[in-house]
Amino acid sequence: MNEINIINFPKLESFQTERERLRLPYLDVELLTAQAGSQDVLLANQARKELDRKWDLTPENDSLNVPTVDLMAQLEPFSEEARKRLANNLVAIQLTEGCNGNCPFCLFGNKKGVSAKYSASSVHRYLREYSNEIPKSLALYWDSDPFDYREEVEGKVLDFTDIYKEWRSMRPTEFQYVSTAIPRGGKKVLLA
């Protein structure tokens, strides 16, 4: 199994240990890519199918085409005191349900595709209202990939970096850990 550099991210150490304990398979994309070009037709076809299954972003799996959920509306049933307690105990905020990343180190499995996303406006509002309650060790993502997140607002496509910039404007000196395998379509965010 390939080693994952967790030296700078001690929170990940327990996940790596748990993956090994559960004997979860490691996805070696470089090996699959090499096998997809093999002269062995059977091996090449199996590798291509696995790459397609894990990496192709079909329109129905793109977050632009899934229902948008209001984060603040989900919190309405809770009292303000309970909302603050929730914020105090946050480990992570994920913007999408489901993932196209298939990171080889993911402990949470590989639920293919995004099925819902939070609206950017509701996430911005939540961060503004509860930023003083949220722990410094918060991760913006956990069981999803940041580069899956896209929302069209007034003709402009917002992405992970729009949420990240908002968070950094509130906490400019705090480091944020983000993990990604950069799913197909995600490179557009990096190059923007």
C-alpha atoms as a PDB file:
ATOM      1  CA  MET A   1       0.000   0.000   0.000  1.00  0.00           C
ATOM      2  CA  ASN A   2       1.298   3.461  -0.879  1.00  0.00           C
ATOM      3  CA  GLU A   3       2.166   5.634   2.081  1.00  0.00           C
ATOM      4  CA  ILE A   4       0.247   8.826   2.638  1.00  0.00           C
ATOM      5  CA  ASN A   5       2.125  11.787   4.052  1.00  0.00           C
ATOM      6  CA  ILE A   6       0.375  12.524   7.333  1.00  0.00           C
ATOM      7  CA  ILE A   7       3.293  14.153   9.112  1.00  0.00           C
ATOM      8  CA  ASN A   8       1.843  17.639   8.749  1.00  0.00           C
ATOM      9  CA  PHE A   9      -1.745  16.505   9.305  1.00  0.00           C
ATOM     10  CA  PRO A  10      -1.921  14.553  12.587  1.00  0.00           C
ATOM     11  CA  LYS A  11      -5.736  14.408  12.399  1.00  0.00           C
ATOM     12  CA  LEU A  12      -5.399  12.107   9.392  1.00  0.00           C
ATOM     13  CA  GLU A  13      -3.257   9.570  11.225  1.00  0.00           C
ATOM     14  CA  SER A  14      -6.265   7.938  12.878  1.00  0.00           C
ATOM     15  CA  PHE A  15      -8.022   7.662   9.495  1.00  0.00           C
ATOM     16  CA  GLN A  16      -5.010   6.012   7.888  1.00  0.00           C
ATOM     17  CA  THR A  17      -4.799   3.540  10.760  1.00  0.00           C
ATOM     18  CA  GLU A  18      -8.528   2.842  10.491  1.00  0.00           C
ATOM     19  CA  ARG A  19      -8.290   2.296   6.714  1.00  0.00           C
ATOM     20  CA  GLU A  20      -5.542  -0.247   7.274  1.00  0.00           C
ATOM     21  CA  ARG A  21      -7.515  -1.962  10.059  1.00  0.00           C
ATOM     22  CA  LEU A  22     -10.577  -2.240   7.808  1.00  0.00           C
ATOM     23  CA  ARG A  23      -8.380  -3.400   4.912  1.00  0.00           C
ATOM     24  CA  LEU A  24      -9.910  -0.825   2.588  1.00  0.00           C
ATOM     25  CA  PRO A  25      -8.382  -1.009  -0.886  1.00  0.00           C
ATOM     26  CA  TYR A  26      -5.980   1.655  -2.068  1.00  0.00           C
ATOM     27  CA  LEU A  27      -6.877   3.181  -5.434  1.00  0.00           C
ATOM     28  CA  ASP A  28      -3.691   3.487  -7.474  1.00  0.00           C
ATOM     29  CA  VAL A  29      -4.720   5.743 -10.350  1.00  0.00           C
ATOM     30  CA  GLU A  30      -1.251   5.721 -11.914  1.00  0.00           C
ATOM     31  CA  LEU A  31      -1.267   1.907 -12.028  1.00  0.00           C
ATOM     32  CA  LEU A  32      -4.787   1.826 -13.520  1.00  0.00           C
ATOM     33  CA  THR A  33      -3.757   4.390 -16.143  1.00  0.00           C
ATOM     34  CA  ALA A  34      -0.743   2.283 -17.081  1.00  0.00           C
ATOM     35  CA  GLN A  35      -2.857  -0.901 -17.184  1.00  0.00           C
ATOM     36  CA  ALA A  36      -5.417   0.847 -19.424  1.00  0.00           C
ATOM     37  CA  GLY A  37      -2.688   1.080 -22.066  1.00  0.00           C
ATOM     38  CA  SER A  38      -1.666  -2.562 -21.694  1.00  0.00           C
ATOM     39  CA  GLN A  39      -1.329  -4.920 -24.663  1.00  0.00           C
ATOM     40  CA  ASP A  40      -3.373  -7.408 -22.602  1.00  0.00           C
ATOM     41  CA  VAL A  41      -6.872  -6.576 -23.853  1.00  0.00           C
ATOM     42  CA  LEU A  42      -8.631  -8.007 -20.788  1.00  0.00           C
ATOM     43  CA  LEU A  43      -6.395  -6.115 -18.344  1.00  0.00           C
ATOM     44  CA  ALA A  44      -6.712  -2.897 -20.383  1.00  0.00           C
ATOM     45  CA  ASN A  45     -10.529  -3.135 -20.520  1.00  0.00           C
ATOM     46  CA  GLN A  46     -10.807  -3.819 -16.779  1.00  0.00           C
ATOM     47  CA  ALA A  47      -8.559  -0.855 -15.977  1.00  0.00           C
ATOM     48  CA  ARG A  48     -10.505   1.450 -18.330  1.00  0.00           C
ATOM     49  CA  LYS A  49     -13.805   0.396 -16.755  1.00  0.00           C
ATOM     50  CA  GLU A  50     -12.418   1.065 -13.274  1.00  0.00           C
ATOM     51  CA  LEU A  51     -11.108   4.479 -14.334  1.00  0.00           C
ATOM     52  CA  ASP A  52     -14.436   5.348 -15.967  1.00  0.00           C
ATOM     53  CA  ARG A  53     -16.362   4.205 -12.891  1.00  0.00           C
ATOM     54  CA  LYS A  54     -14.197   6.239 -10.544  1.00  0.00           C
ATOM     55  CA  TRP A  55     -13.290   9.309 -12.575  1.00  0.00           C
ATOM     56  CA  ASP A  56     -15.861  10.160 -15.233  1.00  0.00           C
ATOM     57  CA  LEU A  57     -18.079  13.030 -14.183  1.00  0.00           C
ATOM     58  CA  THR A  58     -21.435  12.435 -15.814  1.00  0.00           C
ATOM     59  CA  PRO A  59     -23.913  15.342 -15.984  1.00  0.00           C
ATOM     60  CA  GLU A  60     -26.144  13.836 -13.293  1.00  0.00           C
ATOM     61  CA  ASN A  61     -23.152  13.629 -10.906  1.00  0.00           C
ATOM     62  CA  ASP A  62     -22.156  17.282 -11.384  1.00  0.00           C
ATOM     63  CA  SER A  63     -23.186  19.567  -8.528  1.00  0.00           C
ATOM     64  CA  LEU A  64     -24.552  22.119 -11.004  1.00  0.00           C
ATOM     65  CA  ASN A  65     -27.373  19.660 -11.706  1.00  0.00           C
ATOM     66  CA  VAL A  66     -28.378  18.584  -8.198  1.00  0.00           C
ATOM     67  CA  PRO A  67     -30.808  20.073  -5.659  1.00  0.00           C
ATOM     68  CA  THR A  68     -29.571  23.043  -3.643  1.00  0.00           C
ATOM     69  CA  VAL A  69     -30.206  23.005   0.108  1.00  0.00           C
ATOM     70  CA  ASP A  70     -30.284  25.982   2.475  1.00  0.00           C
ATOM     71  CA  LEU A  71     -27.958  25.279   5.414  1.00  0.00           C
ATOM     72  CA  MET A  72     -29.641  27.864   7.637  1.00  0.00           C
ATOM     73  CA  ALA A  73     -33.072  26.360   6.947  1.00  0.00           C
ATOM     74  CA  GLN A  74     -31.770  22.994   8.150  1.00  0.00           C
ATOM     75  CA  LEU A  75     -30.770  24.615  11.433  1.00  0.00           C
ATOM     76  CA  GLU A  76     -34.140  26.350  12.040  1.00  0.00           C
ATOM     77  CA  PRO A  77     -35.569  23.535  14.232  1.00  0.00           C
ATOM     78  CA  PHE A  78     -32.733  24.090  16.736  1.00  0.00           C
ATOM     79  CA  SER A  79     -32.613  26.816  19.367  1.00  0.00           C
ATOM     80  CA  GLU A  80     -29.896  29.459  19.105  1.00  0.00           C
ATOM     81  CA  GLU A  81     -28.126  27.839  22.060  1.00  0.00           C
ATOM     82  CA  ALA A  82     -28.182  24.455  20.312  1.00  0.00           C
ATOM     83  CA  ARG A  83     -26.887  26.026  17.072  1.00  0.00           C
ATOM     84  CA  LYS A  84     -23.956  27.519  18.970  1.00  0.00           C
ATOM     85  CA  ARG A  85     -23.232  24.148  20.600  1.00  0.00           C
ATOM     86  CA  LEU A  86     -23.293  22.519  17.153  1.00  0.00           C
ATOM     87  CA  ALA A  87     -20.885  25.147  15.809  1.00  0.00           C
ATOM     88  CA  ASN A  88     -18.600  24.669  18.846  1.00  0.00           C
ATOM     89  CA  ASN A  89     -18.364  20.958  18.100  1.00  0.00           C
ATOM     90  CA  LEU A  90     -17.898  21.097  14.335  1.00  0.00           C
ATOM     91  CA  VAL A  91     -15.125  19.003  12.885  1.00  0.00           C
ATOM     92  CA  ALA A  92     -15.832  19.846   9.249  1.00  0.00           C
ATOM     93  CA  ILE A  93     -18.202  21.531   6.851  1.00  0.00           C
ATOM     94  CA  GLN A  94     -18.844  19.784   3.577  1.00  0.00           C
ATOM     95  CA  LEU A  95     -20.646  21.596   0.805  1.00  0.00           C
ATOM     96  CA  THR A  96     -21.876  18.585  -1.155  1.00  0.00           C
ATOM     97  CA  GLU A  97     -23.500  15.270  -0.391  1.00  0.00           C
ATOM     98  CA  GLY A  98     -21.599  12.617  -2.284  1.00  0.00           C
ATOM     99  CA  CYS A  99     -18.260  12.837  -4.003  1.00  0.00           C
ATOM    100  CA  ASN A 100     -16.568  12.352  -7.347  1.00  0.00           C
ATOM    101  CA  GLY A 101     -13.045  12.467  -5.952  1.00  0.00           C
ATOM    102  CA  ASN A 102     -12.367   8.875  -4.939  1.00  0.00           C
ATOM    103  CA  CYS A 103      -9.291   9.918  -2.967  1.00  0.00           C
ATOM    104  CA  PRO A 104      -7.231   6.799  -2.253  1.00  0.00           C
ATOM    105  CA  PHE A 105      -6.985   7.772   1.422  1.00  0.00           C
ATOM    106  CA  CYS A 106     -10.721   8.340   1.986  1.00  0.00           C
ATOM    107  CA  LEU A 107     -12.106   6.467   4.964  1.00  0.00           C
ATOM    108  CA  PHE A 108     -15.712   7.196   4.081  1.00  0.00           C
ATOM    109  CA  GLY A 109     -16.049   5.048   0.992  1.00  0.00           C
ATOM    110  CA  ASN A 110     -16.727   6.043  -2.550  1.00  0.00           C
ATOM    111  CA  LYS A 111     -20.327   7.117  -2.929  1.00  0.00           C
ATOM    112  CA  LYS A 112     -20.161   8.058  -6.598  1.00  0.00           C
ATOM    113  CA  GLY A 113     -21.620  11.354  -7.619  1.00  0.00           C
ATOM    114  CA  VAL A 114     -22.992  14.431  -5.930  1.00  0.00           C
ATOM    115  CA  SER A 115     -26.658  14.261  -4.924  1.00  0.00           C
ATOM    116  CA  ALA A 116     -27.113  17.674  -3.235  1.00  0.00           C
ATOM    117  CA  LYS A 117     -25.227  20.840  -2.318  1.00  0.00           C
ATOM    118  CA  TYR A 118     -25.585  23.749   0.096  1.00  0.00           C
ATOM    119  CA  SER A 119     -26.312  27.144  -1.387  1.00  0.00           C
ATOM    120  CA  ALA A 120     -23.331  29.475  -1.257  1.00  0.00           C
ATOM    121  CA  SER A 121     -25.452  32.224   0.267  1.00  0.00           C
ATOM    122  CA  SER A 122     -26.542  29.997   3.167  1.00  0.00           C
ATOM    123  CA  VAL A 123     -22.959  28.840   3.797  1.00  0.00           C
ATOM    124  CA  HIS A 124     -21.690  32.439   3.769  1.00  0.00           C
ATOM    125  CA  ARG A 125     -24.443  33.416   6.207  1.00  0.00           C
ATOM    126  CA  TYR A 126     -23.647  30.488   8.490  1.00  0.00           C
ATOM    127  CA  LEU A 127     -19.931  31.316   8.511  1.00  0.00           C
ATOM    128  CA  ARG A 128     -20.638  34.986   9.273  1.00  0.00           C
ATOM    129  CA  GLU A 129     -23.106  34.229  12.064  1.00  0.00           C
ATOM    130  CA  TYR A 130     -21.141  31.446  13.766  1.00  0.00           C
ATOM    131  CA  SER A 131     -17.489  32.154  12.932  1.00  0.00           C
ATOM    132  CA  ASN A 132     -16.733  32.988  16.580  1.00  0.00           C
ATOM    133  CA  GLU A 133     -18.190  29.649  17.690  1.00  0.00           C
ATOM    134  CA  ILE A 134     -16.460  27.422  15.121  1.00  0.00           C
ATOM    135  CA  PRO A 135     -13.247  25.749  16.381  1.00  0.00           C
ATOM    136  CA  LYS A 136      -9.917  26.705  14.850  1.00  0.00           C
ATOM    137  CA  SER A 137      -9.329  23.069  13.871  1.00  0.00           C
ATOM    138  CA  LEU A 138     -12.281  23.041  11.465  1.00  0.00           C
ATOM    139  CA  ALA A 139     -11.794  21.441   8.056  1.00  0.00           C
ATOM    140  CA  LEU A 140     -13.888  22.804   5.217  1.00  0.00           C
ATOM    141  CA  TYR A 141     -14.279  19.308   3.787  1.00  0.00           C
ATOM    142  CA  TRP A 142     -14.424  15.806   5.103  1.00  0.00           C
ATOM    143  CA  ASP A 143     -16.659  13.329   3.294  1.00  0.00           C
ATOM    144  CA  SER A 144     -16.759  15.154  -0.034  1.00  0.00           C
ATOM    145  CA  ASP A 145     -14.369  16.771  -2.492  1.00  0.00           C
ATOM    146  CA  PRO A 146     -14.050  20.563  -2.561  1.00  0.00           C
ATOM    147  CA  PHE A 147     -13.663  20.671  -6.325  1.00  0.00           C
ATOM    148  CA  ASP A 148     -17.037  18.997  -6.820  1.00  0.00           C
ATOM    149  CA  TYR A 149     -18.797  22.097  -5.499  1.00  0.00           C
ATOM    150  CA  ARG A 150     -20.336  24.364  -8.126  1.00  0.00           C
ATOM    151  CA  GLU A 151     -23.411  26.560  -7.956  1.00  0.00           C
ATOM    152  CA  GLU A 152     -24.731  28.926 -10.604  1.00  0.00           C
ATOM    153  CA  VAL A 153     -25.861  32.251  -9.149  1.00  0.00           C
ATOM    154  CA  GLU A 154     -27.080  35.018 -11.457  1.00  0.00           C
ATOM    155  CA  GLY A 155     -25.198  33.577 -14.428  1.00  0.00           C
ATOM    156  CA  LYS A 156     -21.908  33.155 -12.536  1.00  0.00           C
ATOM    157  CA  VAL A 157     -20.638  29.733 -11.439  1.00  0.00           C
ATOM    158  CA  LEU A 158     -19.406  29.819  -7.847  1.00  0.00           C
ATOM    159  CA  ASP A 159     -17.020  27.146  -6.630  1.00  0.00           C
ATOM    160  CA  PHE A 160     -15.048  26.029  -3.595  1.00  0.00           C
ATOM    161  CA  THR A 161     -12.680  28.988  -3.821  1.00  0.00           C
ATOM    162  CA  ASP A 162     -15.562  31.423  -3.302  1.00  0.00           C
ATOM    163  CA  ILE A 163     -16.439  29.732  -0.002  1.00  0.00           C
ATOM    164  CA  TYR A 164     -12.773  29.475   0.975  1.00  0.00           C
ATOM    165  CA  LYS A 165     -12.163  33.184   0.317  1.00  0.00           C
ATOM    166  CA  GLU A 166     -15.115  34.073   2.556  1.00  0.00           C
ATOM    167  CA  TRP A 167     -13.732  31.878   5.344  1.00  0.00           C
ATOM    168  CA  ARG A 168     -10.227  33.321   4.962  1.00  0.00           C
ATOM    169  CA  SER A 169     -11.603  36.868   5.123  1.00  0.00           C
ATOM    170  CA  MET A 170     -12.977  36.028   8.581  1.00  0.00           C
ATOM    171  CA  ARG A 171      -9.924  34.069   9.748  1.00  0.00           C
ATOM    172  CA  PRO A 172      -6.958  35.266   7.687  1.00  0.00           C
ATOM    173  CA  THR A 173      -4.252  33.715   9.865  1.00  0.00           C
ATOM    174  CA  GLU A 174      -5.707  30.226  10.271  1.00  0.00           C
ATOM    175  CA  PHE A 175      -4.526  27.312   8.174  1.00  0.00           C
ATOM    176  CA  GLN A 176      -7.212  25.240   6.433  1.00  0.00           C
ATOM    177  CA  TYR A 177      -6.666  21.619   5.506  1.00  0.00           C
ATOM    178  CA  VAL A 178      -8.336  20.493   2.283  1.00  0.00           C
ATOM    179  CA  SER A 179      -7.972  17.042   0.754  1.00  0.00           C
ATOM    180  CA  THR A 180      -8.739  16.289  -2.864  1.00  0.00           C
ATOM    181  CA  ALA A 181      -8.066  13.940  -5.727  1.00  0.00           C
ATOM    182  CA  ILE A 182      -9.183  16.745  -8.069  1.00  0.00           C
ATOM    183  CA  PRO A 183     -12.127  14.969  -9.730  1.00  0.00           C
ATOM    184  CA  ARG A 184     -12.795  15.410 -13.411  1.00  0.00           C
ATOM    185  CA  GLY A 185     -14.023  18.946 -13.971  1.00  0.00           C
ATOM    186  CA  GLY A 186     -12.194  20.176 -10.879  1.00  0.00           C
ATOM    187  CA  LYS A 187      -9.128  21.368 -12.790  1.00  0.00           C
ATOM    188  CA  LYS A 188     -11.205  24.260 -14.109  1.00  0.00           C
ATOM    189  CA  VAL A 189     -11.334  25.604 -10.539  1.00  0.00           C
ATOM    190  CA  LEU A 190      -7.563  25.298 -10.127  1.00  0.00           C
ATOM    191  CA  LEU A 191      -6.847  27.062 -13.388  1.00  0.00           C
ATOM    192  CA  ALA A 192      -9.334  29.895 -12.820  1.00  0.00           C
END
